[in-house]
PDB file of N, CA and C in Angstrom:
ATOM      1  N   ASP A   1      17.078  -3.503  -7.691  1.00  0.00           N
ATOM      2  CA  ASP A   1      16.963  -4.131  -6.396  1.00  0.00           C
ATOM      3  C   ASP A   1      16.517  -5.581  -6.544  1.00  0.00           C
ATOM      4  N   LEU A   2      16.715  -6.358  -5.504  1.00  0.00           N
ATOM      5  CA  LEU A   2      16.426  -7.794  -5.552  1.00  0.00           C
ATOM      6  C   LEU A   2      14.951  -8.055  -5.811  1.00  0.00           C
ATOM      7  N   TYR A   3      14.066  -7.328  -5.131  1.00  0.00           N
ATOM      8  CA  TYR A   3      12.628  -7.551  -5.314  1.00  0.00           C
ATOM      9  C   TYR A   3      12.226  -7.338  -6.767  1.00  0.00           C
ATOM     10  N   ALA A   4      12.687  -6.262  -7.370  1.00  0.00           N
ATOM     11  CA  ALA A   4      12.338  -5.974  -8.767  1.00  0.00           C
ATOM     12  C   ALA A   4      12.886  -7.037  -9.703  1.00  0.00           C
ATOM     13  N   SER A   5      14.081  -7.529  -9.429  1.00  0.00           N
ATOM     14  CA  SER A   5      14.683  -8.533 -10.312  1.00  0.00           C
ATOM     15  C   SER A   5      13.972  -9.878 -10.222  1.00  0.00           C
ATOM     16  N   LEU A   6      13.254 -10.116  -9.137  1.00  0.00           N
ATOM     17  CA  LEU A   6      12.564 -11.391  -8.954  1.00  0.00           C
ATOM     18  C   LEU A   6      11.091 -11.321  -9.330  1.00  0.00           C
ATOM     19  N   SER A   7      10.636 -10.182  -9.782  1.00  0.00           N
ATOM     20  CA  SER A   7       9.230 -10.010 -10.137  1.00  0.00           C
ATOM     21  C   SER A   7       8.803 -11.073 -11.138  1.00  0.00           C
ATOM     22  N   GLY A   8       7.702 -11.728 -10.851  1.00  0.00           N
ATOM     23  CA  GLY A   8       7.199 -12.780 -11.729  1.00  0.00           C
ATOM     24  C   GLY A   8       7.677 -14.167 -11.350  1.00  0.00           C
ATOM     25  N   SER A   9       8.626 -14.262 -10.429  1.00  0.00           N
ATOM     26  CA  SER A   9       9.126 -15.560  -9.969  1.00  0.00           C
ATOM     27  C   SER A   9       8.289 -16.033  -8.788  1.00  0.00           C
ATOM     28  N   SER A  10       8.245 -17.339  -8.600  1.00  0.00           N
ATOM     29  CA  SER A  10       7.610 -17.853  -7.389  1.00  0.00           C
ATOM     30  C   SER A  10       8.584 -17.645  -6.229  1.00  0.00           C
ATOM     31  N   LEU A  11       8.086 -17.744  -5.015  1.00  0.00           N
ATOM     32  CA  LEU A  11       8.969 -17.590  -3.860  1.00  0.00           C
ATOM     33  C   LEU A  11      10.040 -18.669  -3.833  1.00  0.00           C
ATOM     34  N   GLU A  12       9.677 -19.881  -4.234  1.00  0.00           N
ATOM     35  CA  GLU A  12      10.664 -20.968  -4.270  1.00  0.00           C
ATOM     36  C   GLU A  12      11.760 -20.665  -5.290  1.00  0.00           C
ATOM     37  N   GLU A  13      11.386 -20.133  -6.459  1.00  0.00           N
ATOM     38  CA  GLU A  13      12.380 -19.773  -7.474  1.00  0.00           C
ATOM     39  C   GLU A  13      13.276 -18.654  -6.971  1.00  0.00           C
ATOM     40  N   ALA A  14      12.693 -17.673  -6.299  1.00  0.00           N
ATOM     41  CA  ALA A  14      13.465 -16.557  -5.769  1.00  0.00           C
ATOM     42  C   ALA A  14      14.505 -17.035  -4.767  1.00  0.00           C
ATOM     43  N   ALA A  15      14.145 -17.974  -3.923  1.00  0.00           N
ATOM     44  CA  ALA A  15      15.075 -18.488  -2.917  1.00  0.00           C
ATOM     45  C   ALA A  15      16.261 -19.187  -3.557  1.00  0.00           C
ATOM     46  N   GLY A  16      16.085 -19.732  -4.743  1.00  0.00           N
ATOM     47  CA  GLY A  16      17.172 -20.432  -5.416  1.00  0.00           C
ATOM     48  C   GLY A  16      18.103 -19.533  -6.201  1.00  0.00           C
ATOM     49  N   THR A  17      17.773 -18.234  -6.317  1.00  0.00           N
ATOM     50  CA  THR A  17      18.583 -17.343  -7.144  1.00  0.00           C
ATOM     51  C   THR A  17      19.587 -16.513  -6.364  1.00  0.00           C
ATOM     52  N   ASP A  18      19.462 -16.450  -5.064  1.00  0.00           N
ATOM     53  CA  ASP A  18      20.330 -15.586  -4.266  1.00  0.00           C
ATOM     54  C   ASP A  18      20.526 -16.219  -2.891  1.00  0.00           C
ATOM     55  N   SER A  19      21.759 -16.276  -2.439  1.00  0.00           N
ATOM     56  CA  SER A  19      22.042 -16.912  -1.149  1.00  0.00           C
ATOM     57  C   SER A  19      21.466 -16.120   0.030  1.00  0.00           C
ATOM     58  N   LEU A  20      21.095 -14.855  -0.185  1.00  0.00           N
ATOM     59  CA  LEU A  20      20.518 -14.041   0.884  1.00  0.00           C
ATOM     60  C   LEU A  20      19.006 -14.218   1.004  1.00  0.00           C
ATOM     61  N   VAL A  21      18.420 -14.940   0.053  1.00  0.00           N
ATOM     62  CA  VAL A  21      16.969 -15.137   0.048  1.00  0.00           C
ATOM     63  C   VAL A  21      16.656 -16.538   0.540  1.00  0.00           C
ATOM     64  N   SER A  22      15.748 -16.633   1.494  1.00  0.00           N
ATOM     65  CA  SER A  22      15.318 -17.954   1.947  1.00  0.00           C
ATOM     66  C   SER A  22      13.804 -18.034   1.836  1.00  0.00           C
ATOM     67  N   TYR A  23      13.311 -19.230   1.632  1.00  0.00           N
ATOM     68  CA  TYR A  23      11.873 -19.459   1.525  1.00  0.00           C
ATOM     69  C   TYR A  23      11.447 -20.322   2.690  1.00  0.00           C
ATOM     70  N   GLN A  24      10.502 -19.822   3.452  1.00  0.00           N
ATOM     71  CA  GLN A  24       9.953 -20.579   4.570  1.00  0.00           C
ATOM     72  C   GLN A  24       8.443 -20.464   4.505  1.00  0.00           C
ATOM     73  N   SER A  25       7.771 -21.547   4.725  1.00  0.00           N
ATOM     74  CA  SER A  25       6.313 -21.551   4.734  1.00  0.00           C
ATOM     75  C   SER A  25       5.856 -21.814   6.165  1.00  0.00           C
ATOM     76  N   PRO A  26       5.335 -20.785   6.846  1.00  0.00           N
ATOM     77  CA  PRO A  26       4.962 -20.971   8.249  1.00  0.00           C
ATOM     78  C   PRO A  26       3.689 -21.787   8.394  1.00  0.00           C
ATOM     79  N   GLU A  27       3.488 -22.259   9.590  1.00  0.00           N
ATOM     80  CA  GLU A  27       2.215 -22.878   9.933  1.00  0.00           C
ATOM     81  C   GLU A  27       1.141 -21.790   9.838  1.00  0.00           C
ATOM     82  N   PRO A  28      -0.100 -22.177   9.658  1.00  0.00           N
ATOM     83  CA  PRO A  28      -1.165 -21.161   9.636  1.00  0.00           C
ATOM     84  C   PRO A  28      -1.133 -20.317  10.914  1.00  0.00           C
ATOM     85  N   PHE A  29      -1.465 -19.037  10.764  1.00  0.00           N
ATOM     86  CA  PHE A  29      -1.465 -18.130  11.907  1.00  0.00           C
ATOM     87  C   PHE A  29      -2.624 -17.154  11.778  1.00  0.00           C
ATOM     88  N   THR A  30      -2.922 -16.479  12.881  1.00  0.00           N
ATOM     89  CA  THR A  30      -3.926 -15.417  12.860  1.00  0.00           C
ATOM     90  C   THR A  30      -3.221 -14.093  13.110  1.00  0.00           C
ATOM     91  N   ILE A  31      -3.798 -13.029  12.619  1.00  0.00           N
ATOM     92  CA  ILE A  31      -3.220 -11.702  12.819  1.00  0.00           C
ATOM     93  C   ILE A  31      -3.167 -11.357  14.308  1.00  0.00           C
ATOM     94  N   ALA A  32      -4.095 -11.868  15.092  1.00  0.00           N
ATOM     95  CA  ALA A  32      -4.134 -11.564  16.525  1.00  0.00           C
ATOM     96  C   ALA A  32      -3.009 -12.246  17.292  1.00  0.00           C
ATOM     97  N   GLY A  33      -2.463 -13.344  16.761  1.00  0.00           N
ATOM     98  CA  GLY A  33      -1.433 -14.094  17.466  1.00  0.00           C
ATOM     99  C   GLY A  33      -0.034 -13.752  16.996  1.00  0.00           C
ATOM    100  N   SER A  34       0.911 -14.528  17.464  1.00  0.00           N
ATOM    101  CA  SER A  34       2.303 -14.386  17.070  1.00  0.00           C
ATOM    102  C   SER A  34       2.527 -15.118  15.749  1.00  0.00           C
ATOM    103  N   ILE A  35       3.255 -14.488  14.840  1.00  0.00           N
ATOM    104  CA  ILE A  35       3.536 -15.090  13.543  1.00  0.00           C
ATOM    105  C   ILE A  35       4.850 -15.860  13.663  1.00  0.00           C
ATOM    106  N   PRO A  36       4.848 -17.174  13.375  1.00  0.00           N
ATOM    107  CA  PRO A  36       6.061 -17.987  13.520  1.00  0.00           C
ATOM    108  C   PRO A  36       7.253 -17.386  12.760  1.00  0.00           C
ATOM    109  N   GLY A  37       8.366 -17.189  13.474  1.00  0.00           N
ATOM    110  CA  GLY A  37       9.579 -16.651  12.868  1.00  0.00           C
ATOM    111  C   GLY A  37       9.604 -15.140  12.759  1.00  0.00           C
ATOM    112  N   ILE A  38       8.479 -14.494  13.078  1.00  0.00           N
ATOM    113  CA  ILE A  38       8.397 -13.037  12.962  1.00  0.00           C
ATOM    114  C   ILE A  38       7.977 -12.404  14.277  1.00  0.00           C
ATOM    115  N   GLY A  39       7.059 -13.020  14.974  1.00  0.00           N
ATOM    116  CA  GLY A  39       6.599 -12.486  16.249  1.00  0.00           C
ATOM    117  C   GLY A  39       5.367 -11.614  16.093  1.00  0.00           C
ATOM    118  N   GLN A  40       5.341 -10.493  16.818  1.00  0.00           N
ATOM    119  CA  GLN A  40       4.177  -9.605  16.861  1.00  0.00           C
ATOM    120  C   GLN A  40       4.369  -8.338  16.027  1.00  0.00           C
ATOM    121  N   SER A  41       5.175  -8.360  15.006  1.00  0.00           N
ATOM    122  CA  SER A  41       5.521  -7.174  14.223  1.00  0.00           C
ATOM    123  C   SER A  41       4.291  -6.464  13.652  1.00  0.00           C
ATOM    124  N   PRO A  42       4.015  -5.230  14.110  1.00  0.00           N
ATOM    125  CA  PRO A  42       2.869  -4.500  13.561  1.00  0.00           C
ATOM    126  C   PRO A  42       3.064  -4.152  12.083  1.00  0.00           C
ATOM    127  N   GLU A  43       4.312  -3.917  11.667  1.00  0.00           N
ATOM    128  CA  GLU A  43       4.575  -3.611  10.255  1.00  0.00           C
ATOM    129  C   GLU A  43       4.215  -4.803   9.369  1.00  0.00           C
ATOM    130  N   PHE A  44       4.629  -5.991   9.793  1.00  0.00           N
ATOM    131  CA  PHE A  44       4.357  -7.191   9.003  1.00  0.00           C
ATOM    132  C   PHE A  44       2.867  -7.514   9.013  1.00  0.00           C
ATOM    133  N   LYS A  45       2.243  -7.399  10.177  1.00  0.00           N
ATOM    134  CA  LYS A  45       0.808  -7.677  10.260  1.00  0.00           C
ATOM    135  C   LYS A  45       0.015  -6.717   9.378  1.00  0.00           C
ATOM    136  N   GLY A  46       0.419  -5.447   9.330  1.00  0.00           N
ATOM    137  CA  GLY A  46      -0.245  -4.477   8.464  1.00  0.00           C
ATOM    138  C   GLY A  46      -0.097  -4.841   6.999  1.00  0.00           C
ATOM    139  N   ALA A  47       1.098  -5.304   6.620  1.00  0.00           N
ATOM    140  CA  ALA A  47       1.331  -5.710   5.229  1.00  0.00           C
ATOM    141  C   ALA A  47       0.493  -6.929   4.874  1.00  0.00           C
ATOM    142  N   VAL A  48       0.390  -7.874   5.797  1.00  0.00           N
ATOM    143  CA  VAL A  48      -0.410  -9.083   5.553  1.00  0.00           C
ATOM    144  C   VAL A  48      -1.879  -8.715   5.378  1.00  0.00           C
ATOM    145  N   LYS A  49      -2.394  -7.832   6.232  1.00  0.00           N
ATOM    146  CA  LYS A  49      -3.803  -7.439   6.141  1.00  0.00           C
ATOM    147  C   LYS A  49      -4.119  -6.753   4.815  1.00  0.00           C
ATOM    148  N   ALA A  50      -3.145  -6.037   4.256  1.00  0.00           N
ATOM    149  CA  ALA A  50      -3.375  -5.289   3.017  1.00  0.00           C
ATOM    150  C   ALA A  50      -3.319  -6.161   1.765  1.00  0.00           C
ATOM    151  N   LEU A  51      -2.783  -7.379   1.877  1.00  0.00           N
ATOM    152  CA  LEU A  51      -2.613  -8.244   0.702  1.00  0.00           C
ATOM    153  C   LEU A  51      -3.882  -8.998   0.345  1.00  0.00           C
ATOM    154  N   GLN A  52      -4.015  -9.272  -0.934  1.00  0.00           N
ATOM    155  CA  GLN A  52      -5.043 -10.195  -1.395  1.00  0.00           C
ATOM    156  C   GLN A  52      -4.428 -11.589  -1.370  1.00  0.00           C
ATOM    157  N   VAL A  53      -5.257 -12.608  -1.248  1.00  0.00           N
ATOM    158  CA  VAL A  53      -4.783 -13.992  -1.236  1.00  0.00           C
ATOM    159  C   VAL A  53      -4.016 -14.270  -2.525  1.00  0.00           C
ATOM    160  N   GLY A  54      -2.838 -14.893  -2.387  1.00  0.00           N
ATOM    161  CA  GLY A  54      -2.032 -15.276  -3.542  1.00  0.00           C
ATOM    162  C   GLY A  54      -1.103 -14.201  -4.057  1.00  0.00           C
ATOM    163  N   VAL A  55      -1.122 -13.012  -3.446  1.00  0.00           N
ATOM    164  CA  VAL A  55      -0.269 -11.903  -3.876  1.00  0.00           C
ATOM    165  C   VAL A  55       0.956 -11.844  -2.967  1.00  0.00           C
ATOM    166  N   THR A  56       2.120 -11.606  -3.560  1.00  0.00           N
ATOM    167  CA  THR A  56       3.365 -11.466  -2.801  1.00  0.00           C
ATOM    168  C   THR A  56       3.663  -9.989  -2.615  1.00  0.00           C
ATOM    169  N   SER A  57       3.965  -9.601  -1.393  1.00  0.00           N
ATOM    170  CA  SER A  57       4.269  -8.194  -1.109  1.00  0.00           C
ATOM    171  C   SER A  57       5.732  -7.899  -1.398  1.00  0.00           C
ATOM    172  N   PRO A  58       6.062  -6.617  -1.530  1.00  0.00           N
ATOM    173  CA  PRO A  58       7.473  -6.236  -1.532  1.00  0.00           C
ATOM    174  C   PRO A  58       8.040  -6.543  -0.142  1.00  0.00           C
ATOM    175  N   PRO A  59       9.353  -6.474   0.039  1.00  0.00           N
ATOM    176  CA  PRO A  59       9.918  -6.682   1.379  1.00  0.00           C
ATOM    177  C   PRO A  59       9.266  -5.724   2.385  1.00  0.00           C
ATOM    178  N   VAL A  60       9.058  -6.211   3.585  1.00  0.00           N
ATOM    179  CA  VAL A  60       8.440  -5.413   4.650  1.00  0.00           C
ATOM    180  C   VAL A  60       9.535  -5.029   5.633  1.00  0.00           C
ATOM    181  N   ASN A  61       9.730  -3.724   5.825  1.00  0.00           N
ATOM    182  CA  ASN A  61      10.733  -3.255   6.781  1.00  0.00           C
ATOM    183  C   ASN A  61      10.164  -3.321   8.187  1.00  0.00           C
ATOM    184  N   THR A  62      10.877  -4.035   9.066  1.00  0.00           N
ATOM    185  CA  THR A  62      10.479  -4.160  10.465  1.00  0.00           C
ATOM    186  C   THR A  62      11.680  -3.833  11.340  1.00  0.00           C
ATOM    187  N   ASP A  63      11.486  -3.812  12.644  1.00  0.00           N
ATOM    188  CA  ASP A  63      12.610  -3.557  13.546  1.00  0.00           C
ATOM    189  C   ASP A  63      13.608  -4.709  13.557  1.00  0.00           C
ATOM    190  N   ARG A  64      13.246  -5.837  12.931  1.00  0.00           N
ATOM    191  CA  ARG A  64      14.145  -6.999  12.840  1.00  0.00           C
ATOM    192  C   ARG A  64      14.784  -7.117  11.461  1.00  0.00           C
ATOM    193  N   GLY A  65      14.546  -6.142  10.578  1.00  0.00           N
ATOM    194  CA  GLY A  65      15.094  -6.184   9.221  1.00  0.00           C
ATOM    195  C   GLY A  65      13.985  -6.320   8.200  1.00  0.00           C
ATOM    196  N   SER A  66      14.385  -6.529   6.936  1.00  0.00           N
ATOM    197  CA  SER A  66      13.407  -6.655   5.847  1.00  0.00           C
ATOM    198  C   SER A  66      13.192  -8.095   5.487  1.00  0.00           C
TER     199      SER A  66
END
């Protein structure tokens, strides 16, 4: 899968390896508010809360896609 093949790459490097991957860096946000480009997704917010700073999660499945 794409996530496994990109393990160890930075997000910027990953975006350059596949036309289906894009890298966007949102403005700072809070879990209580709307996340730019994502909205109020409880799945994404749960994944963000579970991460340590500097760690990249696997793709998060939401009602808007992964």
